[in-house]
Amino acid sequence: MHHRWSRMTFVHWRYPPGAVRPLLPGGLEPETFDGDAWVGLTPFLMEGVRAPGTPALPWLSRFPETNLRTYVRDGRGRTGLWFLSLDAGRLAAVLAGRVGYGLPYHWSDMEVRGSGRLVRYRGRRHRPTGTAGLVGRCDAEVEVGRPLTEGERDELAHFLTARFRLFTVVAGRLAAAEVEHPPWPLRQARLLRLDQDLVRLAGLPAPDHAPVLHASPGVPVRVGRWTR
């Protein structure tokens, strides 16, 4: 699949590896940085979605998405992403992601709006799947700042954003798909507001500390087929 991930905000929290490990399938372990596992909430705008050799359809190929992800390593030492949940504003994309890629997509009422340096994200699942009081929401307001300098593009920023493999389970077996994209043009970001329960719905305790933030105008992305 080909697409562009635009108006991306990376919101990351530290977690003990032991809190993340029960959420992973057999064959994957949390990948740590500075001794901690990391969980990322990434709202963005998906654009230009298309299969190879086909055009992007104007309405179908553009929609908001919010992913909750963590970073993992398989038994061969390969690193990549494990998605705890994915919310999308197009039902067709949800069905395609579930059927074609085995990913835990949810259909949500979503919106991404930008005004100057402010980006606003809104999302709420059409069919909540959690316990009482958890509705599958993610509302955020972010102020995007200046581009990061070379010195600010440190090892942690690279660890959290430079990811080139997705893991999933297909027919009961672990599978991976390669991802290609240029380096993210990262910018500073300030979180003005965040109201979300996706972390708790995924089976983790609510974050109890300030997140690490990055923002980006986006990159073109190509995702390959799954391989066992």
C-alpha atoms as a PDB file:
ATOM      1  CA  MET A   1       0.000   0.000   0.000  1.00  0.00           C
ATOM      2  CA  HIS A   2       1.061   3.595  -0.710  1.00  0.00           C
ATOM      3  CA  HIS A   3      -0.022   6.586   1.358  1.00  0.00           C
ATOM      4  CA  ARG A   4       1.146   9.719   3.154  1.00  0.00           C
ATOM      5  CA  TRP A   5       1.064  10.258   6.904  1.00  0.00           C
ATOM      6  CA  SER A   6       0.468  14.008   7.400  1.00  0.00           C
ATOM      7  CA  ARG A   7       0.095  16.368  10.390  1.00  0.00           C
ATOM      8  CA  MET A   8       1.571  13.732  12.660  1.00  0.00           C
ATOM      9  CA  THR A   9       2.023  14.189  16.385  1.00  0.00           C
ATOM     10  CA  PHE A  10       4.046  11.646  18.382  1.00  0.00           C
ATOM     11  CA  VAL A  11       3.029  11.436  22.068  1.00  0.00           C
ATOM     12  CA  HIS A  12       5.170   8.947  23.989  1.00  0.00           C
ATOM     13  CA  TRP A  13       5.222   7.643  27.557  1.00  0.00           C
ATOM     14  CA  ARG A  14       7.650   5.359  29.384  1.00  0.00           C
ATOM     15  CA  TYR A  15       6.330   2.064  30.783  1.00  0.00           C
ATOM     16  CA  PRO A  16       7.981  -0.799  32.636  1.00  0.00           C
ATOM     17  CA  PRO A  17       8.675  -3.632  30.179  1.00  0.00           C
ATOM     18  CA  GLY A  18       6.659  -5.938  32.429  1.00  0.00           C
ATOM     19  CA  ALA A  19       3.531  -3.820  31.865  1.00  0.00           C
ATOM     20  CA  VAL A  20       3.815  -4.095  28.080  1.00  0.00           C
ATOM     21  CA  ARG A  21       4.931  -7.735  27.733  1.00  0.00           C
ATOM     22  CA  PRO A  22       1.497  -9.330  28.492  1.00  0.00           C
ATOM     23  CA  LEU A  23       0.001  -7.357  25.573  1.00  0.00           C
ATOM     24  CA  LEU A  24       2.371  -8.928  23.028  1.00  0.00           C
ATOM     25  CA  PRO A  25       1.995 -12.234  21.170  1.00  0.00           C
ATOM     26  CA  GLY A  26       4.450 -15.070  21.515  1.00  0.00           C
ATOM     27  CA  GLY A  27       7.672 -14.388  19.647  1.00  0.00           C
ATOM     28  CA  LEU A  28       7.855 -10.672  20.494  1.00  0.00           C
ATOM     29  CA  GLU A  29       9.519  -8.880  23.389  1.00  0.00           C
ATOM     30  CA  PRO A  30       9.410  -5.177  24.324  1.00  0.00           C
ATOM     31  CA  GLU A  31      12.270  -3.204  22.834  1.00  0.00           C
ATOM     32  CA  THR A  32      13.580  -0.827  25.470  1.00  0.00           C
ATOM     33  CA  PHE A  33      15.378   2.490  25.497  1.00  0.00           C
ATOM     34  CA  ASP A  34      17.104   3.628  28.684  1.00  0.00           C
ATOM     35  CA  GLY A  35      15.670   0.551  30.383  1.00  0.00           C
ATOM     36  CA  ASP A  36      12.021   1.341  29.624  1.00  0.00           C
ATOM     37  CA  ALA A  37       9.424   0.229  27.113  1.00  0.00           C
ATOM     38  CA  TRP A  38       7.686   3.052  25.259  1.00  0.00           C
ATOM     39  CA  VAL A  39       4.059   3.465  24.234  1.00  0.00           C
ATOM     40  CA  GLY A  40       3.196   5.985  21.532  1.00  0.00           C
ATOM     41  CA  LEU A  41      -0.096   7.704  20.742  1.00  0.00           C
ATOM     42  CA  THR A  42       0.111   9.035  17.178  1.00  0.00           C
ATOM     43  CA  PRO A  43      -2.825  10.997  15.717  1.00  0.00           C
ATOM     44  CA  PHE A  44      -2.410  12.041  12.083  1.00  0.00           C
ATOM     45  CA  LEU A  45      -4.086  12.481   8.700  1.00  0.00           C
ATOM     46  CA  MET A  46      -3.865   9.633   6.215  1.00  0.00           C
ATOM     47  CA  GLU A  47      -3.747  10.852   2.602  1.00  0.00           C
ATOM     48  CA  GLY A  48      -3.375   9.386  -0.879  1.00  0.00           C
ATOM     49  CA  VAL A  49      -4.120   5.805   0.156  1.00  0.00           C
ATOM     50  CA  ARG A  50      -3.868   3.472  -2.815  1.00  0.00           C
ATOM     51  CA  ALA A  51      -2.745   0.046  -3.914  1.00  0.00           C
ATOM     52  CA  PRO A  52       0.134  -0.231  -6.438  1.00  0.00           C
ATOM     53  CA  GLY A  53      -0.941   0.652  -9.957  1.00  0.00           C
ATOM     54  CA  THR A  54      -4.226   2.267  -8.887  1.00  0.00           C
ATOM     55  CA  PRO A  55      -5.158   5.945  -8.359  1.00  0.00           C
ATOM     56  CA  ALA A  56      -6.056   7.420  -4.996  1.00  0.00           C
ATOM     57  CA  LEU A  57      -9.814   8.009  -4.805  1.00  0.00           C
ATOM     58  CA  PRO A  58     -10.508  11.518  -3.431  1.00  0.00           C
ATOM     59  CA  TRP A  59     -12.995  10.616  -0.693  1.00  0.00           C
ATOM     60  CA  LEU A  60     -11.874   7.110   0.183  1.00  0.00           C
ATOM     61  CA  SER A  61      -8.136   7.820   0.334  1.00  0.00           C
ATOM     62  CA  ARG A  62      -8.136  10.656   2.900  1.00  0.00           C
ATOM     63  CA  PHE A  63      -9.165  10.231   6.537  1.00  0.00           C
ATOM     64  CA  PRO A  64      -7.917  10.784  10.103  1.00  0.00           C
ATOM     65  CA  GLU A  65      -6.235   7.990  12.017  1.00  0.00           C
ATOM     66  CA  THR A  66      -4.904   7.526  15.545  1.00  0.00           C
ATOM     67  CA  ASN A  67      -2.572   4.670  16.425  1.00  0.00           C
ATOM     68  CA  LEU A  68      -1.511   3.342  19.809  1.00  0.00           C
ATOM     69  CA  ARG A  69       1.759   1.470  19.400  1.00  0.00           C
ATOM     70  CA  THR A  70       4.766   0.072  21.169  1.00  0.00           C
ATOM     71  CA  TYR A  71       8.220  -1.063  20.059  1.00  0.00           C
ATOM     72  CA  VAL A  72       9.241  -4.687  19.903  1.00  0.00           C
ATOM     73  CA  ARG A  73      11.924  -7.165  18.894  1.00  0.00           C
ATOM     74  CA  ASP A  74      11.349 -10.659  17.497  1.00  0.00           C
ATOM     75  CA  GLY A  75      13.335 -13.837  18.073  1.00  0.00           C
ATOM     76  CA  ARG A  76      15.644 -13.013  15.154  1.00  0.00           C
ATOM     77  CA  GLY A  77      16.523  -9.633  16.680  1.00  0.00           C
ATOM     78  CA  ARG A  78      14.476  -7.633  14.158  1.00  0.00           C
ATOM     79  CA  THR A  79      12.862  -4.493  15.553  1.00  0.00           C
ATOM     80  CA  GLY A  80       9.529  -2.966  14.638  1.00  0.00           C
ATOM     81  CA  LEU A  81       6.074  -1.788  15.670  1.00  0.00           C
ATOM     82  CA  TRP A  82       3.309  -3.616  17.452  1.00  0.00           C
ATOM     83  CA  PHE A  83      -0.052  -1.849  17.271  1.00  0.00           C
ATOM     84  CA  LEU A  84      -2.163  -2.011  20.413  1.00  0.00           C
ATOM     85  CA  SER A  85      -5.016  -0.310  18.544  1.00  0.00           C
ATOM     86  CA  LEU A  86      -5.705   1.721  15.410  1.00  0.00           C
ATOM     87  CA  ASP A  87      -8.659   4.073  14.972  1.00  0.00           C
ATOM     88  CA  ALA A  88      -9.662   5.293  11.505  1.00  0.00           C
ATOM     89  CA  GLY A  89     -12.351   7.592  10.181  1.00  0.00           C
ATOM     90  CA  ARG A  90     -13.231   5.419   7.149  1.00  0.00           C
ATOM     91  CA  LEU A  91     -15.090   2.149   7.587  1.00  0.00           C
ATOM     92  CA  ALA A  92     -13.572   0.776   4.362  1.00  0.00           C
ATOM     93  CA  ALA A  93     -10.064   1.378   5.742  1.00  0.00           C
ATOM     94  CA  VAL A  94     -11.002  -0.354   8.999  1.00  0.00           C
ATOM     95  CA  LEU A  95     -12.275  -3.428   7.171  1.00  0.00           C
ATOM     96  CA  ALA A  96      -9.268  -3.530   4.843  1.00  0.00           C
ATOM     97  CA  GLY A  97      -6.837  -3.190   7.753  1.00  0.00           C
ATOM     98  CA  ARG A  98      -8.523  -5.957   9.714  1.00  0.00           C
ATOM     99  CA  VAL A  99      -8.946  -8.384   6.820  1.00  0.00           C
ATOM    100  CA  GLY A 100      -5.822  -7.619   4.781  1.00  0.00           C
ATOM    101  CA  TYR A 101      -3.317  -6.947   7.551  1.00  0.00           C
ATOM    102  CA  GLY A 102      -4.809  -8.508  10.674  1.00  0.00           C
ATOM    103  CA  LEU A 103      -4.522  -5.210  12.545  1.00  0.00           C
ATOM    104  CA  PRO A 104      -6.820  -4.181  15.450  1.00  0.00           C
ATOM    105  CA  TYR A 105      -8.616  -1.338  13.649  1.00  0.00           C
ATOM    106  CA  HIS A 106     -11.688   0.438  15.060  1.00  0.00           C
ATOM    107  CA  TRP A 107     -14.143   2.642  13.195  1.00  0.00           C
ATOM    108  CA  SER A 108     -14.288   6.092  14.786  1.00  0.00           C
ATOM    109  CA  ASP A 109     -15.835   9.503  14.235  1.00  0.00           C
ATOM    110  CA  MET A 110     -12.658  11.551  13.704  1.00  0.00           C
ATOM    111  CA  GLU A 111     -11.396  14.962  12.632  1.00  0.00           C
ATOM    112  CA  VAL A 112      -8.046  16.674  12.089  1.00  0.00           C
ATOM    113  CA  ARG A 113      -7.951  20.464  11.807  1.00  0.00           C
ATOM    114  CA  GLY A 114      -5.015  22.846  11.478  1.00  0.00           C
ATOM    115  CA  SER A 115      -4.884  26.599  12.021  1.00  0.00           C
ATOM    116  CA  GLY A 116      -1.460  28.231  11.925  1.00  0.00           C
ATOM    117  CA  ARG A 117       0.715  26.410  14.444  1.00  0.00           C
ATOM    118  CA  LEU A 118      -2.236  24.675  16.130  1.00  0.00           C
ATOM    119  CA  VAL A 119      -3.424  21.200  15.207  1.00  0.00           C
ATOM    120  CA  ARG A 120      -6.588  19.758  16.719  1.00  0.00           C
ATOM    121  CA  TYR A 121      -7.469  16.081  16.728  1.00  0.00           C
ATOM    122  CA  ARG A 122     -10.813  14.589  17.674  1.00  0.00           C
ATOM    123  CA  GLY A 123     -11.897  10.957  17.763  1.00  0.00           C
ATOM    124  CA  ARG A 124     -14.537   8.741  19.344  1.00  0.00           C
ATOM    125  CA  ARG A 125     -15.291   5.110  18.505  1.00  0.00           C
ATOM    126  CA  HIS A 126     -18.667   4.291  17.025  1.00  0.00           C
ATOM    127  CA  ARG A 127     -18.806   1.048  18.996  1.00  0.00           C
ATOM    128  CA  PRO A 128     -16.962   1.255  22.320  1.00  0.00           C
ATOM    129  CA  THR A 129     -15.484  -2.079  23.363  1.00  0.00           C
ATOM    130  CA  GLY A 130     -14.228  -1.318  26.859  1.00  0.00           C
ATOM    131  CA  THR A 131     -15.596  -1.343  30.375  1.00  0.00           C
ATOM    132  CA  ALA A 132     -17.989   1.248  31.754  1.00  0.00           C
ATOM    133  CA  GLY A 133     -16.713   4.782  31.333  1.00  0.00           C
ATOM    134  CA  LEU A 134     -14.232   3.961  28.543  1.00  0.00           C
ATOM    135  CA  VAL A 135     -15.554   5.096  25.170  1.00  0.00           C
ATOM    136  CA  GLY A 136     -12.500   5.013  22.904  1.00  0.00           C
ATOM    137  CA  ARG A 137     -11.846   8.735  22.652  1.00  0.00           C
ATOM    138  CA  CYS A 138      -8.803  10.806  21.771  1.00  0.00           C
ATOM    139  CA  ASP A 139      -9.147  14.590  21.716  1.00  0.00           C
ATOM    140  CA  ALA A 140      -5.937  16.605  21.551  1.00  0.00           C
ATOM    141  CA  GLU A 141      -4.689  20.090  20.784  1.00  0.00           C
ATOM    142  CA  VAL A 142      -1.031  20.554  19.855  1.00  0.00           C
ATOM    143  CA  GLU A 143       1.082  23.634  19.205  1.00  0.00           C
ATOM    144  CA  VAL A 144       3.754  22.865  16.600  1.00  0.00           C
ATOM    145  CA  GLY A 145       7.074  24.653  17.003  1.00  0.00           C
ATOM    146  CA  ARG A 146      10.312  25.055  15.098  1.00  0.00           C
ATOM    147  CA  PRO A 147      12.219  22.242  13.357  1.00  0.00           C
ATOM    148  CA  LEU A 148      14.555  20.212  15.522  1.00  0.00           C
ATOM    149  CA  THR A 149      18.233  20.975  15.176  1.00  0.00           C
ATOM    150  CA  GLU A 150      20.677  18.171  14.412  1.00  0.00           C
ATOM    151  CA  GLY A 151      21.641  18.133  18.071  1.00  0.00           C
ATOM    152  CA  GLU A 152      18.005  17.735  19.119  1.00  0.00           C
ATOM    153  CA  ARG A 153      17.484  14.775  16.778  1.00  0.00           C
ATOM    154  CA  ASP A 154      18.956  12.511  19.426  1.00  0.00           C
ATOM    155  CA  GLU A 155      18.918   8.738  19.858  1.00  0.00           C
ATOM    156  CA  LEU A 156      15.550   8.813  21.611  1.00  0.00           C
ATOM    157  CA  ALA A 157      13.889  10.758  18.777  1.00  0.00           C
ATOM    158  CA  HIS A 158      15.312   8.239  16.313  1.00  0.00           C
ATOM    159  CA  PHE A 159      14.152   5.284  18.439  1.00  0.00           C
ATOM    160  CA  LEU A 160      10.598   6.620  18.683  1.00  0.00           C
ATOM    161  CA  THR A 161      10.074   7.642  15.049  1.00  0.00           C
ATOM    162  CA  ALA A 162      12.398   5.722  12.701  1.00  0.00           C
ATOM    163  CA  ARG A 163      10.450   2.484  12.365  1.00  0.00           C
ATOM    164  CA  PHE A 164      10.550   0.310   9.250  1.00  0.00           C
ATOM    165  CA  ARG A 165       8.685  -2.875  10.137  1.00  0.00           C
ATOM    166  CA  LEU A 166       5.196  -3.811  11.351  1.00  0.00           C
ATOM    167  CA  PHE A 167       4.370  -7.022  13.197  1.00  0.00           C
ATOM    168  CA  THR A 168       0.996  -8.768  13.334  1.00  0.00           C
ATOM    169  CA  VAL A 169      -0.470 -12.241  13.736  1.00  0.00           C
ATOM    170  CA  VAL A 170      -1.907 -13.895  10.615  1.00  0.00           C
ATOM    171  CA  ALA A 171      -3.707 -17.248  10.942  1.00  0.00           C
ATOM    172  CA  GLY A 172      -2.199 -17.724  14.385  1.00  0.00           C
ATOM    173  CA  ARG A 173       1.385 -17.105  13.270  1.00  0.00           C
ATOM    174  CA  LEU A 174       3.628 -14.093  13.694  1.00  0.00           C
ATOM    175  CA  ALA A 175       4.131 -12.096  10.477  1.00  0.00           C
ATOM    176  CA  ALA A 176       5.946  -8.901   9.492  1.00  0.00           C
ATOM    177  CA  ALA A 177       5.642  -6.268   6.773  1.00  0.00           C
ATOM    178  CA  GLU A 178       8.431  -3.927   5.739  1.00  0.00           C
ATOM    179  CA  VAL A 179       7.807  -0.158   5.740  1.00  0.00           C
ATOM    180  CA  GLU A 180       9.650   2.435   3.648  1.00  0.00           C
ATOM    181  CA  HIS A 181       9.662   6.175   4.305  1.00  0.00           C
ATOM    182  CA  PRO A 182      12.210   8.996   4.357  1.00  0.00           C
ATOM    183  CA  PRO A 183      13.406  10.422   7.680  1.00  0.00           C
ATOM    184  CA  TRP A 184      10.678  12.294   9.517  1.00  0.00           C
ATOM    185  CA  PRO A 185      11.114  16.101   9.372  1.00  0.00           C
ATOM    186  CA  LEU A 186      10.624  16.500  13.121  1.00  0.00           C
ATOM    187  CA  ARG A 187       9.545  19.674  14.896  1.00  0.00           C
ATOM    188  CA  GLN A 188       9.115  20.683  18.500  1.00  0.00           C
ATOM    189  CA  ALA A 189       5.609  20.324  19.891  1.00  0.00           C
ATOM    190  CA  ARG A 190       3.677  21.402  22.970  1.00  0.00           C
ATOM    191  CA  LEU A 191       0.632  19.524  24.194  1.00  0.00           C
ATOM    192  CA  LEU A 192      -2.072  22.035  25.067  1.00  0.00           C
ATOM    193  CA  ARG A 193      -4.812  19.493  25.755  1.00  0.00           C
ATOM    194  CA  LEU A 194      -5.222  15.724  25.764  1.00  0.00           C
ATOM    195  CA  ASP A 195      -8.315  13.749  26.714  1.00  0.00           C
ATOM    196  CA  GLN A 196      -7.961  10.068  25.841  1.00  0.00           C
ATOM    197  CA  ASP A 197      -8.789   6.632  27.173  1.00  0.00           C
ATOM    198  CA  LEU A 198      -7.163   4.520  24.433  1.00  0.00           C
ATOM    199  CA  VAL A 199      -4.222   3.615  26.668  1.00  0.00           C
ATOM    200  CA  ARG A 200      -6.496   2.150  29.344  1.00  0.00           C
ATOM    201  CA  LEU A 201      -8.620   0.376  26.739  1.00  0.00           C
ATOM    202  CA  ALA A 202      -5.466  -1.347  25.499  1.00  0.00           C
ATOM    203  CA  GLY A 203      -4.860  -2.803  28.952  1.00  0.00           C
ATOM    204  CA  LEU A 204      -2.287  -0.370  30.339  1.00  0.00           C
ATOM    205  CA  PRO A 205      -2.587   1.945  33.347  1.00  0.00           C
ATOM    206  CA  ALA A 206      -3.204   5.589  32.501  1.00  0.00           C
ATOM    207  CA  PRO A 207       0.064   7.558  32.124  1.00  0.00           C
ATOM    208  CA  ASP A 208       1.162   9.253  35.346  1.00  0.00           C
ATOM    209  CA  HIS A 209       3.868  11.495  33.878  1.00  0.00           C
ATOM    210  CA  ALA A 210       4.360  14.078  31.146  1.00  0.00           C
ATOM    211  CA  PRO A 211       4.891  12.637  27.650  1.00  0.00           C
ATOM    212  CA  VAL A 212       7.737  13.164  25.195  1.00  0.00           C
ATOM    213  CA  LEU A 213       6.416  15.048  22.157  1.00  0.00           C
ATOM    214  CA  HIS A 214       7.434  15.428  18.523  1.00  0.00           C
ATOM    215  CA  ALA A 215       5.492  16.710  15.513  1.00  0.00           C
ATOM    216  CA  SER A 216       5.961  16.393  11.762  1.00  0.00           C
ATOM    217  CA  PRO A 217       4.258  17.689   8.615  1.00  0.00           C
ATOM    218  CA  GLY A 218       4.506  14.124   7.334  1.00  0.00           C
ATOM    219  CA  VAL A 219       6.206  11.679   4.977  1.00  0.00           C
ATOM    220  CA  PRO A 220       5.197   9.409   2.067  1.00  0.00           C
ATOM    221  CA  VAL A 221       5.000   5.769   3.133  1.00  0.00           C
ATOM    222  CA  ARG A 222       4.991   2.407   1.389  1.00  0.00           C
ATOM    223  CA  VAL A 223       3.986  -0.763   3.254  1.00  0.00           C
ATOM    224  CA  GLY A 224       4.812  -4.161   1.778  1.00  0.00           C
ATOM    225  CA  ARG A 225       3.054  -7.519   1.982  1.00  0.00           C
ATOM    226  CA  TRP A 226       3.109  -9.666   5.081  1.00  0.00           C
ATOM    227  CA  THR A 227       5.691 -12.435   5.298  1.00  0.00           C
ATOM    228  CA  ARG A 228       5.694 -15.229   7.873  1.00  0.00           C
END
